């Protein structure tokens, strides 16, 4: 399982603030027409999204398949000699009768 570490320091926000401060400083020294063109071309910073990798074991896959199978599948497995399916069918029959 791979989990990316997340720093507690806001590095992208600091860079964005520094860029905004520099832009304001240069905007004060330039005419109003250039200030408008610079503000429309500002760079947007995006925060990285977290990504997670999950692996499911074969035993978990088998348990999920057993839990979600239909009664028809259980009956077919019981007819092929599956002991677990046979016990499950016996329990289902007992629940219907009792």
PDB file of N, CA and C in Angstrom:
ATOM      1  N   UNK A   1       0.855  -1.162   0.000  1.00  0.00           N
ATOM      2  CA  UNK A   1       0.000   0.000   0.000  1.00  0.00           C
ATOM      3  C   UNK A   1       0.901   1.223   0.000  1.00  0.00           C
ATOM      4  N   UNK A   2       0.700   2.130  -0.937  1.00  0.00           N
ATOM      5  CA  UNK A   2       1.531   3.325  -1.052  1.00  0.00           C
ATOM      6  C   UNK A   2       0.716   4.550  -0.684  1.00  0.00           C
ATOM      7  N   UNK A   3       1.205   5.289   0.314  1.00  0.00           N
ATOM      8  CA  UNK A   3       0.538   6.511   0.739  1.00  0.00           C
ATOM      9  C   UNK A   3       1.560   7.637   0.673  1.00  0.00           C
ATOM     10  N   UNK A   4       1.195   8.713   0.009  1.00  0.00           N
ATOM     11  CA  UNK A   4       2.103   9.840  -0.104  1.00  0.00           C
ATOM     12  C   UNK A   4       2.120  10.617   1.204  1.00  0.00           C
ATOM     13  N   UNK A   5       3.302  11.071   1.581  1.00  0.00           N
ATOM     14  CA  UNK A   5       3.433  11.878   2.793  1.00  0.00           C
ATOM     15  C   UNK A   5       2.969  13.300   2.503  1.00  0.00           C
ATOM     16  N   UNK A   6       2.285  13.872   3.449  1.00  0.00           N
ATOM     17  CA  UNK A   6       1.792  15.236   3.294  1.00  0.00           C
ATOM     18  C   UNK A   6       2.508  16.101   4.316  1.00  0.00           C
ATOM     19  N   UNK A   7       3.145  17.133   3.862  1.00  0.00           N
ATOM     20  CA  UNK A   7       3.884  18.026   4.738  1.00  0.00           C
ATOM     21  C   UNK A   7       2.923  18.955   5.462  1.00  0.00           C
ATOM     22  N   UNK A   8       3.264  19.315   6.689  1.00  0.00           N
ATOM     23  CA  UNK A   8       2.411  20.231   7.438  1.00  0.00           C
ATOM     24  C   UNK A   8       2.703  21.684   7.092  1.00  0.00           C
ATOM     25  N   UNK A   9       3.755  21.928   6.304  1.00  0.00           N
ATOM     26  CA  UNK A   9       4.082  23.290   5.910  1.00  0.00           C
ATOM     27  C   UNK A   9       3.435  23.595   4.569  1.00  0.00           C
ATOM     28  N   UNK A  10       2.757  24.714   4.450  1.00  0.00           N
ATOM     29  CA  UNK A  10       2.073  25.067   3.201  1.00  0.00           C
ATOM     30  C   UNK A  10       3.034  25.662   2.177  1.00  0.00           C
ATOM     31  N   UNK A  11       3.861  24.820   1.539  1.00  0.00           N
ATOM     32  CA  UNK A  11       4.857  25.303   0.576  1.00  0.00           C
ATOM     33  C   UNK A  11       4.221  25.955  -0.653  1.00  0.00           C
ATOM     34  N   UNK A  12       3.185  25.355  -1.312  1.00  0.00           N
ATOM     35  CA  UNK A  12       2.612  26.012  -2.486  1.00  0.00           C
ATOM     36  C   UNK A  12       1.968  27.350  -2.154  1.00  0.00           C
ATOM     37  N   UNK A  13       1.370  27.486  -0.994  1.00  0.00           N
ATOM     38  CA  UNK A  13       0.729  28.743  -0.623  1.00  0.00           C
ATOM     39  C   UNK A  13       1.778  29.828  -0.428  1.00  0.00           C
ATOM     40  N   UNK A  14       2.942  29.482   0.116  1.00  0.00           N
ATOM     41  CA  UNK A  14       4.009  30.445   0.321  1.00  0.00           C
ATOM     42  C   UNK A  14       4.523  30.954  -1.017  1.00  0.00           C
ATOM     43  N   UNK A  15       4.695  30.038  -1.978  1.00  0.00           N
ATOM     44  CA  UNK A  15       5.161  30.439  -3.300  1.00  0.00           C
ATOM     45  C   UNK A  15       4.132  31.335  -3.982  1.00  0.00           C
ATOM     46  N   UNK A  16       2.871  31.028  -3.816  1.00  0.00           N
ATOM     47  CA  UNK A  16       1.822  31.834  -4.425  1.00  0.00           C
ATOM     48  C   UNK A  16       1.774  33.218  -3.802  1.00  0.00           C
ATOM     49  N   UNK A  17       1.958  33.297  -2.480  1.00  0.00           N
ATOM     50  CA  UNK A  17       1.959  34.592  -1.814  1.00  0.00           C
ATOM     51  C   UNK A  17       3.143  35.438  -2.261  1.00  0.00           C
ATOM     52  N   UNK A  18       4.308  34.822  -2.399  1.00  0.00           N
ATOM     53  CA  UNK A  18       5.496  35.541  -2.839  1.00  0.00           C
ATOM     54  C   UNK A  18       5.286  36.077  -4.251  1.00  0.00           C
ATOM     55  N   UNK A  19       4.697  35.264  -5.120  1.00  0.00           N
ATOM     56  CA  UNK A  19       4.413  35.707  -6.477  1.00  0.00           C
ATOM     57  C   UNK A  19       3.428  36.855  -6.496  1.00  0.00           C
ATOM     58  N   UNK A  20       2.438  36.816  -5.635  1.00  0.00           N
ATOM     59  CA  UNK A  20       1.447  37.896  -5.575  1.00  0.00           C
ATOM     60  C   UNK A  20       2.082  39.173  -5.051  1.00  0.00           C
ATOM     61  N   UNK A  21       2.992  39.049  -4.080  1.00  0.00           N
ATOM     62  CA  UNK A  21       3.659  40.227  -3.549  1.00  0.00           C
ATOM     63  C   UNK A  21       4.560  40.854  -4.610  1.00  0.00           C
ATOM     64  N   UNK A  22       5.286  40.028  -5.349  1.00  0.00           N
ATOM     65  CA  UNK A  22       6.144  40.544  -6.414  1.00  0.00           C
ATOM     66  C   UNK A  22       5.313  41.227  -7.488  1.00  0.00           C
ATOM     67  N   UNK A  23       4.167  40.655  -7.786  1.00  0.00           N
ATOM     68  CA  UNK A  23       3.299  41.221  -8.818  1.00  0.00           C
ATOM     69  C   UNK A  23       2.756  42.574  -8.361  1.00  0.00           C
ATOM     70  N   UNK A  24       2.402  42.675  -7.090  1.00  0.00           N
ATOM     71  CA  UNK A  24       1.903  43.946  -6.576  1.00  0.00           C
ATOM     72  C   UNK A  24       2.997  45.011  -6.601  1.00  0.00           C
ATOM     73  N   UNK A  25       4.218  44.617  -6.290  1.00  0.00           N
ATOM     74  CA  UNK A  25       5.330  45.561  -6.275  1.00  0.00           C
ATOM     75  C   UNK A  25       5.604  46.084  -7.679  1.00  0.00           C
ATOM     76  N   UNK A  26       5.575  45.204  -8.684  1.00  0.00           N
ATOM     77  CA  UNK A  26       5.820  45.647 -10.047  1.00  0.00           C
ATOM     78  C   UNK A  26       4.619  46.402 -10.589  1.00  0.00           C
ATOM     79  N   UNK A  27       3.432  46.075 -10.138  1.00  0.00           N
ATOM     80  CA  UNK A  27       2.228  46.758 -10.601  1.00  0.00           C
ATOM     81  C   UNK A  27       2.217  48.198 -10.111  1.00  0.00           C
ATOM     82  N   UNK A  28       2.751  48.463  -8.934  1.00  0.00           N
ATOM     83  CA  UNK A  28       2.772  49.814  -8.396  1.00  0.00           C
ATOM     84  C   UNK A  28       3.712  50.700  -9.214  1.00  0.00           C
ATOM     85  N   UNK A  29       4.744  50.105  -9.795  1.00  0.00           N
ATOM     86  CA  UNK A  29       5.722  50.872 -10.554  1.00  0.00           C
ATOM     87  C   UNK A  29       5.318  51.056 -12.015  1.00  0.00           C
ATOM     88  N   UNK A  30       4.264  50.376 -12.500  1.00  0.00           N
ATOM     89  CA  UNK A  30       3.884  50.429 -13.906  1.00  0.00           C
ATOM     90  C   UNK A  30       2.548  51.153 -14.083  1.00  0.00           C
ATOM     91  N   UNK A  31       2.254  51.622 -15.316  1.00  0.00           N
ATOM     92  CA  UNK A  31       0.969  52.268 -15.585  1.00  0.00           C
ATOM     93  C   UNK A  31      -0.199  51.304 -15.406  1.00  0.00           C
ATOM     94  N   UNK A  32      -1.418  51.840 -15.327  1.00  0.00           N
ATOM     95  CA  UNK A  32      -2.620  51.047 -15.067  1.00  0.00           C
ATOM     96  C   UNK A  32      -2.916  50.046 -16.183  1.00  0.00           C
ATOM     97  N   UNK A  33      -2.617  50.348 -17.422  1.00  0.00           N
ATOM     98  CA  UNK A  33      -2.924  49.427 -18.531  1.00  0.00           C
ATOM     99  C   UNK A  33      -2.120  48.149 -18.434  1.00  0.00           C
ATOM    100  N   UNK A  34      -0.875  48.226 -18.005  1.00  0.00           N
ATOM    101  CA  UNK A  34      -0.051  47.028 -17.856  1.00  0.00           C
ATOM    102  C   UNK A  34      -0.490  46.224 -16.650  1.00  0.00           C
ATOM    103  N   UNK A  35      -0.971  46.873 -15.603  1.00  0.00           N
ATOM    104  CA  UNK A  35      -1.430  46.179 -14.409  1.00  0.00           C
ATOM    105  C   UNK A  35      -2.608  45.277 -14.735  1.00  0.00           C
ATOM    106  N   UNK A  36      -3.515  45.734 -15.555  1.00  0.00           N
ATOM    107  CA  UNK A  36      -4.671  44.923 -15.924  1.00  0.00           C
ATOM    108  C   UNK A  36      -4.250  43.711 -16.729  1.00  0.00           C
ATOM    109  N   UNK A  37      -3.301  43.858 -17.637  1.00  0.00           N
ATOM    110  CA  UNK A  37      -2.881  42.706 -18.447  1.00  0.00           C
ATOM    111  C   UNK A  37      -2.130  41.698 -17.602  1.00  0.00           C
ATOM    112  N   UNK A  38      -1.376  42.131 -16.604  1.00  0.00           N
ATOM    113  CA  UNK A  38      -0.663  41.206 -15.744  1.00  0.00           C
ATOM    114  C   UNK A  38      -1.614  40.444 -14.843  1.00  0.00           C
ATOM    115  N   UNK A  39      -2.648  41.102 -14.342  1.00  0.00           N
ATOM    116  CA  UNK A  39      -3.564  40.425 -13.439  1.00  0.00           C
ATOM    117  C   UNK A  39      -4.377  39.359 -14.167  1.00  0.00           C
ATOM    118  N   UNK A  40      -4.574  39.514 -15.456  1.00  0.00           N
ATOM    119  CA  UNK A  40      -5.332  38.508 -16.193  1.00  0.00           C
ATOM    120  C   UNK A  40      -4.492  37.300 -16.562  1.00  0.00           C
ATOM    121  N   UNK A  41      -3.164  37.405 -16.450  1.00  0.00           N
ATOM    122  CA  UNK A  41      -2.297  36.288 -16.819  1.00  0.00           C
ATOM    123  C   UNK A  41      -1.623  35.668 -15.608  1.00  0.00           C
ATOM    124  N   UNK A  42      -2.226  35.763 -14.434  1.00  0.00           N
ATOM    125  CA  UNK A  42      -1.627  35.171 -13.242  1.00  0.00           C
ATOM    126  C   UNK A  42      -1.670  33.658 -13.337  1.00  0.00           C
ATOM    127  N   UNK A  43      -0.691  33.020 -12.731  1.00  0.00           N
ATOM    128  CA  UNK A  43      -0.582  31.562 -12.760  1.00  0.00           C
ATOM    129  C   UNK A  43      -1.370  30.974 -11.596  1.00  0.00           C
ATOM    130  N   UNK A  44      -2.129  29.943 -11.882  1.00  0.00           N
ATOM    131  CA  UNK A  44      -2.891  29.272 -10.836  1.00  0.00           C
ATOM    132  C   UNK A  44      -2.061  28.113 -10.305  1.00  0.00           C
ATOM    133  N   UNK A  45      -2.038  27.963  -8.985  1.00  0.00           N
ATOM    134  CA  UNK A  45      -1.350  26.827  -8.386  1.00  0.00           C
ATOM    135  C   UNK A  45      -2.389  25.801  -7.988  1.00  0.00           C
ATOM    136  N   UNK A  46      -2.086  24.559  -8.250  1.00  0.00           N
ATOM    137  CA  UNK A  46      -3.019  23.496  -7.888  1.00  0.00           C
ATOM    138  C   UNK A  46      -2.381  22.630  -6.820  1.00  0.00           C
ATOM    139  N   UNK A  47      -3.204  22.164  -5.909  1.00  0.00           N
ATOM    140  CA  UNK A  47      -2.703  21.288  -4.864  1.00  0.00           C
ATOM    141  C   UNK A  47      -2.719  19.859  -5.375  1.00  0.00           C
ATOM    142  N   UNK A  48      -1.696  19.079  -5.069  1.00  0.00           N
ATOM    143  CA  UNK A  48      -1.659  17.697  -5.537  1.00  0.00           C
ATOM    144  C   UNK A  48      -2.741  16.870  -4.839  1.00  0.00           C
ATOM    145  N   UNK A  49      -3.375  16.009  -5.578  1.00  0.00           N
ATOM    146  CA  UNK A  49      -4.408  15.161  -4.987  1.00  0.00           C
ATOM    147  C   UNK A  49      -3.759  13.917  -4.393  1.00  0.00           C
ATOM    148  N   UNK A  50      -4.359  13.410  -3.351  1.00  0.00           N
ATOM    149  CA  UNK A  50      -3.842  12.212  -2.702  1.00  0.00           C
ATOM    150  C   UNK A  50      -4.211  10.991  -3.525  1.00  0.00           C
ATOM    151  N   UNK A  51      -3.284  10.061  -3.628  1.00  0.00           N
ATOM    152  CA  UNK A  51      -3.578   8.824  -4.342  1.00  0.00           C
ATOM    153  C   UNK A  51      -3.276   7.654  -3.421  1.00  0.00           C
ATOM    154  N   UNK A  52      -4.140   6.681  -3.454  1.00  0.00           N
ATOM    155  CA  UNK A  52      -3.997   5.514  -2.606  1.00  0.00           C
ATOM    156  C   UNK A  52      -4.026   4.269  -3.463  1.00  0.00           C
ATOM    157  N   UNK A  53      -3.208   3.297  -3.123  1.00  0.00           N
ATOM    158  CA  UNK A  53      -3.211   2.021  -3.810  1.00  0.00           C
ATOM    159  C   UNK A  53      -3.686   0.970  -2.810  1.00  0.00           C
ATOM    160  N   UNK A  54      -4.736   0.265  -3.175  1.00  0.00           N
ATOM    161  CA  UNK A  54      -5.304  -0.740  -2.293  1.00  0.00           C
ATOM    162  C   UNK A  54      -5.205  -2.088  -2.976  1.00  0.00           C
ATOM    163  N   UNK A  55      -4.704  -3.066  -2.261  1.00  0.00           N
ATOM    164  CA  UNK A  55      -4.655  -4.424  -2.795  1.00  0.00           C
ATOM    165  C   UNK A  55      -5.499  -5.318  -1.907  1.00  0.00           C
ATOM    166  N   UNK A  56      -6.251  -6.192  -2.530  1.00  0.00           N
ATOM    167  CA  UNK A  56      -7.125  -7.107  -1.813  1.00  0.00           C
ATOM    168  C   UNK A  56      -6.545  -8.510  -1.947  1.00  0.00           C
ATOM    169  N   UNK A  57      -6.412  -9.203  -0.830  1.00  0.00           N
ATOM    170  CA  UNK A  57      -5.821 -10.534  -0.855  1.00  0.00           C
ATOM    171  C   UNK A  57      -6.764 -11.520  -1.535  1.00  0.00           C
ATOM    172  N   UNK A  58      -6.203 -12.641  -1.954  1.00  0.00           N
ATOM    173  CA  UNK A  58      -7.006 -13.680  -2.598  1.00  0.00           C
ATOM    174  C   UNK A  58      -8.041 -14.254  -1.631  1.00  0.00           C
ATOM    175  N   UNK A  59      -7.678 -14.365  -0.354  1.00  0.00           N
ATOM    176  CA  UNK A  59      -8.625 -14.875   0.638  1.00  0.00           C
ATOM    177  C   UNK A  59      -9.820 -13.931   0.788  1.00  0.00           C
ATOM    178  N   UNK A  60      -9.556 -12.643   0.758  1.00  0.00           N
ATOM    179  CA  UNK A  60     -10.644 -11.665   0.865  1.00  0.00           C
ATOM    180  C   UNK A  60     -11.531 -11.719  -0.372  1.00  0.00           C
ATOM    181  N   UNK A  61     -10.919 -11.899  -1.537  1.00  0.00           N
ATOM    182  CA  UNK A  61     -11.712 -12.029  -2.765  1.00  0.00           C
ATOM    183  C   UNK A  61     -12.613 -13.269  -2.715  1.00  0.00           C
ATOM    184  N   UNK A  62     -12.066 -14.376  -2.228  1.00  0.00           N
ATOM    185  CA  UNK A  62     -12.844 -15.606  -2.136  1.00  0.00           C
ATOM    186  C   UNK A  62     -13.987 -15.454  -1.134  1.00  0.00           C
ATOM    187  N   UNK A  63     -13.715 -14.810  -0.005  1.00  0.00           N
ATOM    188  CA  UNK A  63     -14.759 -14.592   1.005  1.00  0.00           C
ATOM    189  C   UNK A  63     -15.864 -13.702   0.446  1.00  0.00           C
ATOM    190  N   UNK A  64     -15.492 -12.681  -0.308  1.00  0.00           N
ATOM    191  CA  UNK A  64     -16.489 -11.800  -0.915  1.00  0.00           C
ATOM    192  C   UNK A  64     -17.320 -12.559  -1.937  1.00  0.00           C
ATOM    193  N   UNK A  65     -16.680 -13.401  -2.736  1.00  0.00           N
ATOM    194  CA  UNK A  65     -17.403 -14.184  -3.745  1.00  0.00           C
ATOM    195  C   UNK A  65     -18.388 -15.145  -3.076  1.00  0.00           C
ATOM    196  N   UNK A  66     -17.984 -15.758  -1.973  1.00  0.00           N
ATOM    197  CA  UNK A  66     -18.881 -16.666  -1.246  1.00  0.00           C
ATOM    198  C   UNK A  66     -20.057 -15.910  -0.650  1.00  0.00           C
ATOM    199  N   UNK A  67     -19.807 -14.739  -0.140  1.00  0.00           N
ATOM    200  CA  UNK A  67     -20.866 -13.970   0.514  1.00  0.00           C
ATOM    201  C   UNK A  67     -21.871 -13.414  -0.480  1.00  0.00           C
ATOM    202  N   UNK A  68     -21.469 -13.196  -1.710  1.00  0.00           N
ATOM    203  CA  UNK A  68     -22.356 -12.564  -2.682  1.00  0.00           C
ATOM    204  C   UNK A  68     -22.911 -13.528  -3.719  1.00  0.00           C
ATOM    205  N   UNK A  69     -22.642 -14.815  -3.578  1.00  0.00           N
ATOM    206  CA  UNK A  69     -23.151 -15.744  -4.598  1.00  0.00           C
ATOM    207  C   UNK A  69     -24.642 -16.017  -4.409  1.00  0.00           C
ATOM    208  N   UNK A  70     -25.286 -16.354  -5.481  1.00  0.00           N
ATOM    209  CA  UNK A  70     -26.731 -16.607  -5.453  1.00  0.00           C
ATOM    210  C   UNK A  70     -27.012 -18.023  -4.988  1.00  0.00           C
ATOM    211  N   UNK A  71     -28.271 -18.289  -4.668  1.00  0.00           N
ATOM    212  CA  UNK A  71     -28.654 -19.633  -4.222  1.00  0.00           C
ATOM    213  C   UNK A  71     -28.482 -20.648  -5.348  1.00  0.00           C
ATOM    214  N   UNK A  72     -28.639 -20.214  -6.591  1.00  0.00           N
ATOM    215  CA  UNK A  72     -28.444 -21.112  -7.737  1.00  0.00           C
ATOM    216  C   UNK A  72     -26.974 -21.537  -7.814  1.00  0.00           C
ATOM    217  N   UNK A  73     -26.071 -20.586  -7.621  1.00  0.00           N
ATOM    218  CA  UNK A  73     -24.648 -20.918  -7.633  1.00  0.00           C
ATOM    219  C   UNK A  73     -24.303 -21.862  -6.493  1.00  0.00           C
ATOM    220  N   UNK A  74     -24.884 -21.622  -5.325  1.00  0.00           N
ATOM    221  CA  UNK A  74     -24.634 -22.493  -4.175  1.00  0.00           C
ATOM    222  C   UNK A  74     -25.114 -23.907  -4.465  1.00  0.00           C
ATOM    223  N   UNK A  75     -26.295 -24.039  -5.059  1.00  0.00           N
ATOM    224  CA  UNK A  75     -26.825 -25.364  -5.390  1.00  0.00           C
ATOM    225  C   UNK A  75     -25.935 -26.066  -6.408  1.00  0.00           C
ATOM    226  N   UNK A  76     -25.443 -25.334  -7.404  1.00  0.00           N
ATOM    227  CA  UNK A  76     -24.556 -25.937  -8.399  1.00  0.00           C
ATOM    228  C   UNK A  76     -23.265 -26.424  -7.752  1.00  0.00           C
ATOM    229  N   UNK A  77     -22.706 -25.629  -6.851  1.00  0.00           N
ATOM    230  CA  UNK A  77     -21.487 -26.033  -6.161  1.00  0.00           C
ATOM    231  C   UNK A  77     -21.735 -27.243  -5.264  1.00  0.00           C
ATOM    232  N   UNK A  78     -22.900 -27.278  -4.615  1.00  0.00           N
ATOM    233  CA  UNK A  78     -23.232 -28.420  -3.755  1.00  0.00           C
ATOM    234  C   UNK A  78     -23.362 -29.691  -4.582  1.00  0.00           C
ATOM    235  N   UNK A  79     -23.934 -29.592  -5.772  1.00  0.00           N
ATOM    236  CA  UNK A  79     -24.069 -30.758  -6.653  1.00  0.00           C
ATOM    237  C   UNK A  79     -22.711 -31.249  -7.153  1.00  0.00           C
ATOM    238  N   UNK A  80     -21.730 -30.367  -7.210  1.00  0.00           N
ATOM    239  CA  UNK A  80     -20.384 -30.757  -7.641  1.00  0.00           C
ATOM    240  C   UNK A  80     -19.542 -31.276  -6.482  1.00  0.00           C
ATOM    241  N   UNK A  81     -20.086 -31.311  -5.269  1.00  0.00           N
ATOM    242  CA  UNK A  81     -19.370 -31.887  -4.140  1.00  0.00           C
ATOM    243  C   UNK A  81     -18.748 -30.883  -3.186  1.00  0.00           C
ATOM    244  N   UNK A  82     -19.084 -29.633  -3.309  1.00  0.00           N
ATOM    245  CA  UNK A  82     -18.535 -28.609  -2.410  1.00  0.00           C
ATOM    246  C   UNK A  82     -19.178 -28.756  -1.040  1.00  0.00           C
ATOM    247  N   UNK A  83     -18.372 -29.121  -0.028  1.00  0.00           N
ATOM    248  CA  UNK A  83     -18.892 -29.382   1.321  1.00  0.00           C
ATOM    249  C   UNK A  83     -19.486 -28.122   1.947  1.00  0.00           C
ATOM    250  N   UNK A  84     -18.844 -26.999   1.752  1.00  0.00           N
ATOM    251  CA  UNK A  84     -19.363 -25.759   2.334  1.00  0.00           C
ATOM    252  C   UNK A  84     -20.722 -25.415   1.740  1.00  0.00           C
ATOM    253  N   UNK A  85     -20.875 -25.592   0.442  1.00  0.00           N
ATOM    254  CA  UNK A  85     -22.157 -25.314  -0.212  1.00  0.00           C
ATOM    255  C   UNK A  85     -23.221 -26.305   0.267  1.00  0.00           C
ATOM    256  N   UNK A  86     -22.856 -27.561   0.479  1.00  0.00           N
ATOM    257  CA  UNK A  86     -23.818 -28.548   0.969  1.00  0.00           C
ATOM    258  C   UNK A  86     -24.311 -28.182   2.363  1.00  0.00           C
ATOM    259  N   UNK A  87     -23.385 -27.757   3.249  1.00  0.00           N
ATOM    260  CA  UNK A  87     -23.785 -27.345   4.600  1.00  0.00           C
ATOM    261  C   UNK A  87     -24.697 -26.122   4.543  1.00  0.00           C
ATOM    262  N   UNK A  88     -24.399 -25.197   3.651  1.00  0.00           N
ATOM    263  CA  UNK A  88     -25.228 -24.010   3.524  1.00  0.00           C
ATOM    264  C   UNK A  88     -26.635 -24.364   3.050  1.00  0.00           C
ATOM    265  N   UNK A  89     -26.739 -25.286   2.102  1.00  0.00           N
ATOM    266  CA  UNK A  89     -28.065 -25.717   1.637  1.00  0.00           C
ATOM    267  C   UNK A  89     -28.850 -26.393   2.749  1.00  0.00           C
ATOM    268  N   UNK A  90     -28.183 -27.196   3.572  1.00  0.00           N
ATOM    269  CA  UNK A  90     -28.850 -27.849   4.698  1.00  0.00           C
ATOM    270  C   UNK A  90     -29.379 -26.798   5.673  1.00  0.00           C
ATOM    271  N   UNK A  91     -28.570 -25.761   5.945  1.00  0.00           N
ATOM    272  CA  UNK A  91     -29.025 -24.685   6.844  1.00  0.00           C
ATOM    273  C   UNK A  91     -30.212 -23.930   6.252  1.00  0.00           C
ATOM    274  N   UNK A  92     -30.177 -23.676   4.959  1.00  0.00           N
ATOM    275  CA  UNK A  92     -31.291 -22.972   4.310  1.00  0.00           C
ATOM    276  C   UNK A  92     -32.573 -23.793   4.379  1.00  0.00           C
ATOM    277  N   UNK A  93     -32.457 -25.110   4.176  1.00  0.00           N
ATOM    278  CA  UNK A  93     -33.628 -25.988   4.256  1.00  0.00           C
ATOM    279  C   UNK A  93     -34.175 -26.006   5.682  1.00  0.00           C
ATOM    280  N   UNK A  94     -33.306 -26.046   6.664  1.00  0.00           N
ATOM    281  CA  UNK A  94     -33.746 -26.044   8.060  1.00  0.00           C
ATOM    282  C   UNK A  94     -34.445 -24.742   8.410  1.00  0.00           C
ATOM    283  N   UNK A  95     -33.966 -23.631   7.878  1.00  0.00           N
ATOM    284  CA  UNK A  95     -34.609 -22.342   8.143  1.00  0.00           C
ATOM    285  C   UNK A  95     -35.980 -22.262   7.495  1.00  0.00           C
ATOM    286  N   UNK A  96     -36.141 -22.882   6.328  1.00  0.00           N
ATOM    287  CA  UNK A  96     -37.439 -22.874   5.669  1.00  0.00           C
ATOM    288  C   UNK A  96     -38.464 -23.726   6.430  1.00  0.00           C
ATOM    289  N   UNK A  97     -38.017 -24.851   6.985  1.00  0.00           N
ATOM    290  CA  UNK A  97     -38.925 -25.747   7.684  1.00  0.00           C
ATOM    291  C   UNK A  97     -39.214 -25.240   9.111  1.00  0.00           C
ATOM    292  N   UNK A  98     -38.268 -24.658   9.740  1.00  0.00           N
ATOM    293  CA  UNK A  98     -38.434 -24.306  11.149  1.00  0.00           C
ATOM    294  C   UNK A  98     -38.584 -22.893  11.368  1.00  0.00           C
TER     295      UNK A  98
END
